[in-house]
Amino acid sequence: MKSGTKDQAEGTFHQLKGKVKEIAGKLSDNPKLADEGTGEKIAGKVQEKIGQIKKVFEK
């Protein structure tokens, strides 16, 4: 798997995992878990964008 594609896939995974943590934190009234989920979701978006940029320069 190329580097850009791998980054995009991992970024999407982190976004999904972050969203799950965020919802679980809200449901369990755990603000620390919700904040951790939000941070992971944002990191996933950044990683996905990096993957998109890498794909452009790989061609």
C-alpha atoms as a PDB file:
ATOM      1  CA  MET A   1       0.000   0.000   0.000  1.00  0.00           C
ATOM      2  CA  LYS A   2       1.362   3.398  -0.937  1.00  0.00           C
ATOM      3  CA  SER A   3       2.183   5.876   1.785  1.00  0.00           C
ATOM      4  CA  GLY A   4      -0.580   8.342   0.863  1.00  0.00           C
ATOM      5  CA  THR A   5      -3.258   5.671   0.739  1.00  0.00           C
ATOM      6  CA  LYS A   6      -2.077   4.240   4.046  1.00  0.00           C
ATOM      7  CA  ASP A   7      -2.251   7.671   5.701  1.00  0.00           C
ATOM      8  CA  GLN A   8      -5.751   8.216   4.363  1.00  0.00           C
ATOM      9  CA  ALA A   9      -6.924   4.834   5.660  1.00  0.00           C
ATOM     10  CA  GLU A  10      -5.358   5.361   9.075  1.00  0.00           C
ATOM     11  CA  GLY A  11      -6.796   8.866   9.240  1.00  0.00           C
ATOM     12  CA  THR A  12     -10.287   7.588   8.536  1.00  0.00           C
ATOM     13  CA  PHE A  13      -9.842   4.895  11.181  1.00  0.00           C
ATOM     14  CA  HIS A  14      -8.730   7.455  13.781  1.00  0.00           C
ATOM     15  CA  GLN A  15     -11.680   9.689  12.941  1.00  0.00           C
ATOM     16  CA  LEU A  16     -14.077   6.798  13.472  1.00  0.00           C
ATOM     17  CA  LYS A  17     -12.373   5.716  16.689  1.00  0.00           C
ATOM     18  CA  GLY A  18     -12.395   9.307  17.946  1.00  0.00           C
ATOM     19  CA  LYS A  19     -16.103   9.669  17.183  1.00  0.00           C
ATOM     20  CA  VAL A  20     -16.861   6.480  19.132  1.00  0.00           C
ATOM     21  CA  LYS A  21     -14.827   7.713  22.117  1.00  0.00           C
ATOM     22  CA  GLU A  22     -16.513  11.100  21.935  1.00  0.00           C
ATOM     23  CA  ILE A  23     -19.999   9.560  21.996  1.00  0.00           C
ATOM     24  CA  ALA A  24     -19.050   7.085  24.737  1.00  0.00           C
ATOM     25  CA  GLY A  25     -17.662   9.937  26.831  1.00  0.00           C
ATOM     26  CA  LYS A  26     -20.851  11.946  26.436  1.00  0.00           C
ATOM     27  CA  LEU A  27     -23.087   8.967  27.228  1.00  0.00           C
ATOM     28  CA  SER A  28     -21.076   7.985  30.307  1.00  0.00           C
ATOM     29  CA  ASP A  29     -20.740  11.612  31.409  1.00  0.00           C
ATOM     30  CA  ASN A  30     -16.954  11.364  31.159  1.00  0.00           C
ATOM     31  CA  PRO A  31     -15.630  14.667  29.753  1.00  0.00           C
ATOM     32  CA  LYS A  32     -12.037  13.393  29.674  1.00  0.00           C
ATOM     33  CA  LEU A  33     -12.998  10.538  27.325  1.00  0.00           C
ATOM     34  CA  ALA A  34     -15.107  12.875  25.179  1.00  0.00           C
ATOM     35  CA  ASP A  35     -12.200  15.322  24.881  1.00  0.00           C
ATOM     36  CA  GLU A  36      -9.803  12.501  24.037  1.00  0.00           C
ATOM     37  CA  GLY A  37     -12.194  11.387  21.300  1.00  0.00           C
ATOM     38  CA  THR A  38     -12.420  14.897  19.894  1.00  0.00           C
ATOM     39  CA  GLY A  39      -8.637  15.167  19.798  1.00  0.00           C
ATOM     40  CA  GLU A  40      -8.266  11.822  18.088  1.00  0.00           C
ATOM     41  CA  LYS A  41     -10.930  12.745  15.543  1.00  0.00           C
ATOM     42  CA  ILE A  42      -9.077  15.956  14.664  1.00  0.00           C
ATOM     43  CA  ALA A  43      -5.766  14.095  14.420  1.00  0.00           C
ATOM     44  CA  GLY A  44      -7.430  11.625  12.053  1.00  0.00           C
ATOM     45  CA  LYS A  45      -8.628  14.452   9.816  1.00  0.00           C
ATOM     46  CA  VAL A  46      -5.116  15.891   9.691  1.00  0.00           C
ATOM     47  CA  GLN A  47      -3.606  12.504   8.868  1.00  0.00           C
ATOM     48  CA  GLU A  48      -6.176  11.945   6.126  1.00  0.00           C
ATOM     49  CA  LYS A  49      -5.326  15.323   4.546  1.00  0.00           C
ATOM     50  CA  ILE A  50      -1.619  14.478   4.694  1.00  0.00           C
ATOM     51  CA  GLY A  51      -2.399  11.256   2.837  1.00  0.00           C
ATOM     52  CA  GLN A  52      -4.283  13.194   0.167  1.00  0.00           C
ATOM     53  CA  ILE A  53      -1.336  15.552  -0.282  1.00  0.00           C
ATOM     54  CA  LYS A  54       1.105  12.636  -0.520  1.00  0.00           C
ATOM     55  CA  LYS A  55      -1.050  11.011  -3.209  1.00  0.00           C
ATOM     56  CA  VAL A  56      -0.872  14.175  -5.299  1.00  0.00           C
ATOM     57  CA  PHE A  57       2.937  14.268  -5.121  1.00  0.00           C
ATOM     58  CA  GLU A  58       3.364  10.519  -5.717  1.00  0.00           C
ATOM     59  CA  LYS A  59       2.148  10.825  -9.311  1.00  0.00           C
END
